[in-house]
Structure formats: C-alpha cells, structure tokens
C-alpha cells in the first residue's frame, strides 16, 4: 500500500467547489444594466466569422488548415492564369421546308 502525505483527506482528493451566488451585490440594482437580450451579438458574430465545413473525404486529403489554404490559393492562381475559351457565335442554318 502507498503511503499518503500527512494531512490528506483519504475519502476525497477533490477540491470543494464554491457555491455560486446568483444575487447581485447590494450596491448594484438590476435596472442599472438595461434589459437582457438573448443572442444580442449573434448576428454580428455570424457575419464576422467565415467557417467552412469540409466533407470527411475532403478533410482526409489534407493534414491541416494550412495545406487546405495552399491548395485553394494554387487553384485560384491557376484559374486566373488559365486561358479561357473564346465563345464563337453559333451558326444557324436556314431551315428548309420540305415539300411533302
């Protein structure tokens, strides 16, 4: 059996959690803080974040975020430098009517 250091509670090694107080201090009043609004900043957070979720098979192809970014930047560069096909006007043939 292992020896325990002196003054150790054998029954529980966990620290006691402090009891949370839900009450405001007497010098504060709830009205001083204005109305509580749920999700007040949710739209701002959503607009400022740019999270992309990859399919699992795509995520397996890349070891980390830097590799994904490098691949995408290379694809963007390639797309900008690639020759784009020139659209030629389509030829329309005059419809001939069949005598019948």
N, C-alpha and C. Protein backbone atom coordinates (compact mmCIF):
# COMPACT_ATOMS: atom_id res chain seq x y z
N UNK A 1 0.85 -1.19 0.00
CA UNK A 1 0.00 0.00 0.00
C UNK A 1 0.89 1.25 0.00
N UNK A 2 0.47 2.26 -0.74
CA UNK A 2 1.24 3.50 -0.83
C UNK A 2 1.01 4.36 0.41
N UNK A 3 2.03 5.04 0.81
CA UNK A 3 1.92 5.94 1.96
C UNK A 3 1.42 7.29 1.47
N UNK A 4 0.48 7.88 2.20
CA UNK A 4 -0.08 9.18 1.85
C UNK A 4 0.64 10.27 2.64
N UNK A 5 0.77 11.44 2.04
CA UNK A 5 1.37 12.56 2.77
C UNK A 5 0.50 12.93 3.97
N UNK A 6 1.08 13.55 4.97
CA UNK A 6 0.27 13.92 6.14
C UNK A 6 -0.78 14.98 5.79
N UNK A 7 -1.83 15.02 6.55
CA UNK A 7 -2.94 15.98 6.41
C UNK A 7 -3.69 15.84 5.09
N UNK A 8 -3.83 14.61 4.58
CA UNK A 8 -4.56 14.39 3.34
C UNK A 8 -5.87 13.70 3.68
N UNK A 9 -6.96 14.21 3.14
CA UNK A 9 -8.26 13.60 3.34
C UNK A 9 -8.32 12.34 2.48
N UNK A 10 -8.43 11.21 3.10
CA UNK A 10 -8.39 9.94 2.39
C UNK A 10 -9.66 9.71 1.59
N UNK A 11 -10.77 10.20 2.07
CA UNK A 11 -12.04 9.93 1.41
C UNK A 11 -12.18 10.66 0.08
N UNK A 12 -11.70 11.88 -0.03
CA UNK A 12 -11.88 12.65 -1.26
C UNK A 12 -10.67 13.54 -1.51
N UNK A 13 -10.12 13.42 -2.71
CA UNK A 13 -8.99 14.26 -3.09
C UNK A 13 -9.46 15.48 -3.89
N UNK A 14 -10.76 15.54 -4.18
CA UNK A 14 -11.28 16.64 -4.97
C UNK A 14 -11.42 17.89 -4.12
N UNK A 15 -11.21 19.03 -4.75
CA UNK A 15 -11.39 20.30 -4.06
C UNK A 15 -12.87 20.62 -4.02
N UNK A 16 -13.29 21.23 -2.96
CA UNK A 16 -14.69 21.63 -2.82
C UNK A 16 -14.96 22.78 -3.77
N UNK A 17 -16.08 22.69 -4.49
CA UNK A 17 -16.45 23.76 -5.41
C UNK A 17 -17.17 24.86 -4.65
N UNK A 18 -16.83 26.11 -4.94
CA UNK A 18 -17.53 27.20 -4.24
C UNK A 18 -18.98 27.28 -4.72
N UNK A 19 -19.84 27.65 -3.83
CA UNK A 19 -21.25 27.79 -4.17
C UNK A 19 -21.45 29.12 -4.88
N UNK A 20 -22.02 29.06 -6.07
CA UNK A 20 -22.23 30.28 -6.85
C UNK A 20 -23.39 31.08 -6.28
N UNK A 21 -23.19 32.35 -6.16
CA UNK A 21 -24.25 33.21 -5.67
C UNK A 21 -24.87 33.91 -6.87
N UNK A 22 -26.19 33.81 -6.97
CA UNK A 22 -26.90 34.43 -8.08
C UNK A 22 -27.40 35.83 -7.73
N UNK A 23 -27.11 36.27 -6.56
CA UNK A 23 -27.58 37.57 -6.11
C UNK A 23 -26.58 38.65 -6.45
N UNK A 24 -27.10 39.82 -6.80
CA UNK A 24 -26.24 40.98 -7.03
C UNK A 24 -25.81 41.56 -5.69
N UNK A 25 -24.70 42.22 -5.71
CA UNK A 25 -24.26 42.91 -4.51
C UNK A 25 -25.26 44.03 -4.20
N UNK A 26 -25.36 44.41 -2.94
CA UNK A 26 -26.37 45.41 -2.56
C UNK A 26 -26.19 46.76 -3.27
N UNK A 27 -24.97 47.11 -3.64
CA UNK A 27 -24.76 48.42 -4.28
C UNK A 27 -25.21 48.46 -5.75
N UNK A 28 -25.51 47.29 -6.33
CA UNK A 28 -25.97 47.24 -7.72
C UNK A 28 -27.47 46.99 -7.75
N UNK A 29 -28.10 47.53 -8.78
CA UNK A 29 -29.52 47.28 -9.00
C UNK A 29 -29.67 46.69 -10.39
N UNK A 30 -30.56 45.76 -10.55
CA UNK A 30 -30.77 45.09 -11.84
C UNK A 30 -31.12 46.10 -12.93
N UNK A 31 -31.85 47.10 -12.60
CA UNK A 31 -32.27 48.11 -13.57
C UNK A 31 -31.12 48.93 -14.14
N UNK A 32 -29.98 48.93 -13.46
CA UNK A 32 -28.82 49.69 -13.94
C UNK A 32 -28.21 49.08 -15.20
N UNK A 33 -28.52 47.82 -15.47
CA UNK A 33 -27.88 47.12 -16.58
C UNK A 33 -28.72 47.05 -17.85
N UNK A 34 -29.92 47.57 -17.83
CA UNK A 34 -30.78 47.55 -19.00
C UNK A 34 -31.40 46.18 -19.21
N UNK A 35 -32.22 46.05 -20.24
CA UNK A 35 -32.89 44.77 -20.47
C UNK A 35 -31.92 43.71 -20.97
N UNK A 36 -32.16 42.49 -20.57
CA UNK A 36 -31.33 41.38 -21.04
C UNK A 36 -31.90 40.88 -22.37
N UNK A 37 -31.04 40.74 -23.36
CA UNK A 37 -31.47 40.30 -24.68
C UNK A 37 -30.70 39.04 -25.04
N UNK A 38 -31.41 37.98 -25.33
CA UNK A 38 -30.76 36.72 -25.69
C UNK A 38 -30.27 36.80 -27.13
N UNK A 39 -29.02 36.44 -27.36
CA UNK A 39 -28.47 36.42 -28.70
C UNK A 39 -28.23 37.81 -29.29
N UNK A 40 -27.96 38.77 -28.45
CA UNK A 40 -27.80 40.15 -28.89
C UNK A 40 -26.71 40.31 -29.94
N UNK A 41 -25.62 39.59 -29.80
CA UNK A 41 -24.49 39.74 -30.71
C UNK A 41 -24.37 38.56 -31.68
N UNK A 42 -25.34 37.70 -31.77
CA UNK A 42 -25.26 36.51 -32.61
C UNK A 42 -25.12 36.87 -34.09
N UNK A 43 -25.87 37.82 -34.58
CA UNK A 43 -25.79 38.20 -36.00
C UNK A 43 -24.42 38.80 -36.33
N UNK A 44 -23.88 39.62 -35.42
CA UNK A 44 -22.56 40.21 -35.65
C UNK A 44 -21.48 39.13 -35.70
N UNK A 45 -21.58 38.16 -34.81
CA UNK A 45 -20.61 37.07 -34.78
C UNK A 45 -20.70 36.23 -36.05
N UNK A 46 -21.92 35.95 -36.47
CA UNK A 46 -22.11 35.15 -37.69
C UNK A 46 -21.56 35.87 -38.91
N UNK A 47 -21.75 37.17 -38.98
CA UNK A 47 -21.26 37.94 -40.13
C UNK A 47 -19.74 38.05 -40.15
N UNK A 48 -19.12 38.04 -38.98
CA UNK A 48 -17.67 38.22 -38.93
C UNK A 48 -16.90 36.91 -39.01
N UNK A 49 -17.58 35.79 -38.91
CA UNK A 49 -16.88 34.51 -38.97
C UNK A 49 -17.01 33.91 -40.36
N UNK A 50 -16.02 33.13 -40.75
CA UNK A 50 -16.02 32.51 -42.06
C UNK A 50 -15.62 31.05 -41.87
N UNK A 51 -16.56 30.26 -41.42
CA UNK A 51 -16.29 28.86 -41.14
C UNK A 51 -16.80 28.02 -42.30
N UNK A 52 -15.95 27.11 -42.76
CA UNK A 52 -16.30 26.22 -43.85
C UNK A 52 -16.20 24.80 -43.33
N UNK A 53 -17.23 24.01 -43.57
CA UNK A 53 -17.23 22.62 -43.14
C UNK A 53 -16.92 21.75 -44.35
N UNK A 54 -15.86 20.95 -44.23
CA UNK A 54 -15.45 20.08 -45.32
C UNK A 54 -16.10 18.72 -45.20
N UNK A 55 -16.33 18.08 -46.32
CA UNK A 55 -16.80 16.71 -46.30
C UNK A 55 -15.68 15.84 -45.74
N UNK A 56 -16.00 14.74 -45.06
CA UNK A 56 -14.95 13.91 -44.46
C UNK A 56 -13.91 13.43 -45.46
N UNK A 57 -14.32 13.07 -46.68
CA UNK A 57 -13.36 12.58 -47.67
C UNK A 57 -12.41 13.69 -48.13
N UNK A 58 -12.87 14.93 -48.12
CA UNK A 58 -12.00 16.07 -48.46
C UNK A 58 -11.04 16.34 -47.31
N UNK A 59 -11.53 16.30 -46.09
CA UNK A 59 -10.69 16.56 -44.92
C UNK A 59 -9.56 15.54 -44.80
N UNK A 60 -9.81 14.30 -45.21
CA UNK A 60 -8.78 13.26 -45.14
C UNK A 60 -7.62 13.55 -46.08
N UNK A 61 -7.87 14.30 -47.15
CA UNK A 61 -6.84 14.57 -48.15
C UNK A 61 -5.83 15.62 -47.68
N UNK A 62 -6.15 16.36 -46.61
CA UNK A 62 -5.28 17.43 -46.16
C UNK A 62 -4.90 17.23 -44.70
N UNK A 63 -3.61 17.39 -44.37
CA UNK A 63 -3.19 17.17 -42.98
C UNK A 63 -3.57 18.30 -42.03
N UNK A 64 -3.73 19.53 -42.55
CA UNK A 64 -4.05 20.65 -41.67
C UNK A 64 -4.66 21.79 -42.48
N UNK A 65 -5.03 22.86 -41.79
CA UNK A 65 -5.68 24.01 -42.43
C UNK A 65 -4.75 24.72 -43.42
N UNK A 66 -3.46 24.76 -43.10
CA UNK A 66 -2.51 25.42 -43.99
C UNK A 66 -2.45 24.71 -45.35
N UNK A 67 -2.52 23.38 -45.34
CA UNK A 67 -2.49 22.63 -46.59
C UNK A 67 -3.74 22.90 -47.43
N UNK A 68 -4.87 23.04 -46.77
CA UNK A 68 -6.11 23.36 -47.49
C UNK A 68 -5.99 24.74 -48.11
N UNK A 69 -5.52 25.71 -47.35
CA UNK A 69 -5.37 27.08 -47.86
C UNK A 69 -4.39 27.14 -49.02
N UNK A 70 -3.26 26.43 -48.92
CA UNK A 70 -2.28 26.42 -50.00
C UNK A 70 -2.88 25.83 -51.28
N UNK A 71 -3.63 24.74 -51.13
CA UNK A 71 -4.25 24.10 -52.30
C UNK A 71 -5.27 25.03 -52.95
N UNK A 72 -6.08 25.69 -52.14
CA UNK A 72 -7.09 26.60 -52.69
C UNK A 72 -6.46 27.82 -53.34
N UNK A 73 -5.41 28.37 -52.74
CA UNK A 73 -4.73 29.51 -53.35
C UNK A 73 -4.09 29.11 -54.68
N UNK A 74 -3.53 27.92 -54.75
CA UNK A 74 -2.98 27.43 -56.01
C UNK A 74 -4.05 27.27 -57.07
N UNK A 75 -5.20 26.80 -56.66
CA UNK A 75 -6.32 26.63 -57.60
C UNK A 75 -6.81 27.99 -58.10
N UNK A 76 -6.86 28.96 -57.22
CA UNK A 76 -7.27 30.32 -57.62
C UNK A 76 -6.27 30.90 -58.62
N UNK A 77 -4.98 30.75 -58.35
CA UNK A 77 -3.94 31.25 -59.25
C UNK A 77 -4.04 30.58 -60.61
N UNK A 78 -4.24 29.27 -60.60
CA UNK A 78 -4.37 28.52 -61.85
C UNK A 78 -5.59 28.97 -62.63
N UNK A 79 -6.68 29.20 -61.95
CA UNK A 79 -7.91 29.63 -62.63
C UNK A 79 -7.74 31.01 -63.26
N UNK A 80 -6.99 31.88 -62.61
CA UNK A 80 -6.78 33.22 -63.15
C UNK A 80 -5.84 33.22 -64.36
N UNK A 81 -4.87 32.31 -64.38
CA UNK A 81 -3.90 32.31 -65.46
C UNK A 81 -4.28 31.40 -66.62
N UNK A 82 -5.22 30.51 -66.41
CA UNK A 82 -5.62 29.58 -67.47
C UNK A 82 -6.30 30.34 -68.60
N UNK A 83 -6.04 29.91 -69.82
CA UNK A 83 -6.68 30.54 -70.98
C UNK A 83 -8.15 30.17 -70.97
N UNK A 84 -8.95 31.15 -71.12
CA UNK A 84 -10.38 30.90 -71.15
C UNK A 84 -10.81 30.71 -72.61
N UNK A 85 -11.64 29.72 -72.86
CA UNK A 85 -12.08 29.50 -74.24
C UNK A 85 -12.90 30.69 -74.74
N UNK A 86 -12.69 31.03 -75.99
CA UNK A 86 -13.41 32.13 -76.60
C UNK A 86 -14.70 31.58 -77.17
N UNK A 87 -15.79 32.21 -76.83
CA UNK A 87 -17.08 31.77 -77.36
C UNK A 87 -17.23 32.26 -78.78
N UNK A 88 -17.51 31.34 -79.63
CA UNK A 88 -17.76 31.71 -81.03
C UNK A 88 -19.26 31.79 -81.22
N UNK A 89 -19.66 32.72 -82.07
CA UNK A 89 -21.10 32.81 -82.32
C UNK A 89 -21.58 31.53 -82.99
N UNK A 90 -22.72 31.06 -82.57
CA UNK A 90 -23.22 29.83 -83.14
C UNK A 90 -23.79 30.10 -84.53
N UNK A 91 -23.57 29.16 -85.41
CA UNK A 91 -24.07 29.30 -86.77
C UNK A 91 -25.48 28.73 -86.82
N UNK A 92 -26.31 29.46 -87.45
CA UNK A 92 -27.67 28.96 -87.61
C UNK A 92 -27.87 28.63 -89.08
N UNK A 93 -28.39 27.49 -89.28
CA UNK A 93 -28.67 27.11 -90.67
C UNK A 93 -30.10 27.52 -91.00
N UNK A 94 -30.24 27.96 -92.18
CA UNK A 94 -31.58 28.33 -92.64
C UNK A 94 -32.41 27.06 -92.73
N UNK A 95 -33.60 27.13 -92.19
CA UNK A 95 -34.46 25.96 -92.24
C UNK A 95 -35.03 25.83 -93.64
N UNK A 96 -34.95 24.65 -94.11
CA UNK A 96 -35.54 24.39 -95.43
C UNK A 96 -36.85 23.67 -95.23
N UNK A 97 -37.78 24.04 -96.04
CA UNK A 97 -39.08 23.39 -95.92
C UNK A 97 -39.12 22.26 -96.93
N UNK A 98 -39.64 21.20 -96.48
CA UNK A 98 -39.77 20.03 -97.36
C UNK A 98 -41.13 20.04 -98.02
N UNK A 99 -41.08 19.72 -99.26
CA UNK A 99 -42.34 19.62 -99.97
C UNK A 99 -42.89 18.21 -99.70
N UNK A 100 -44.09 18.14 -99.34
CA UNK A 100 -44.50 16.83 -98.98
C UNK A 100 -45.84 16.52 -99.24
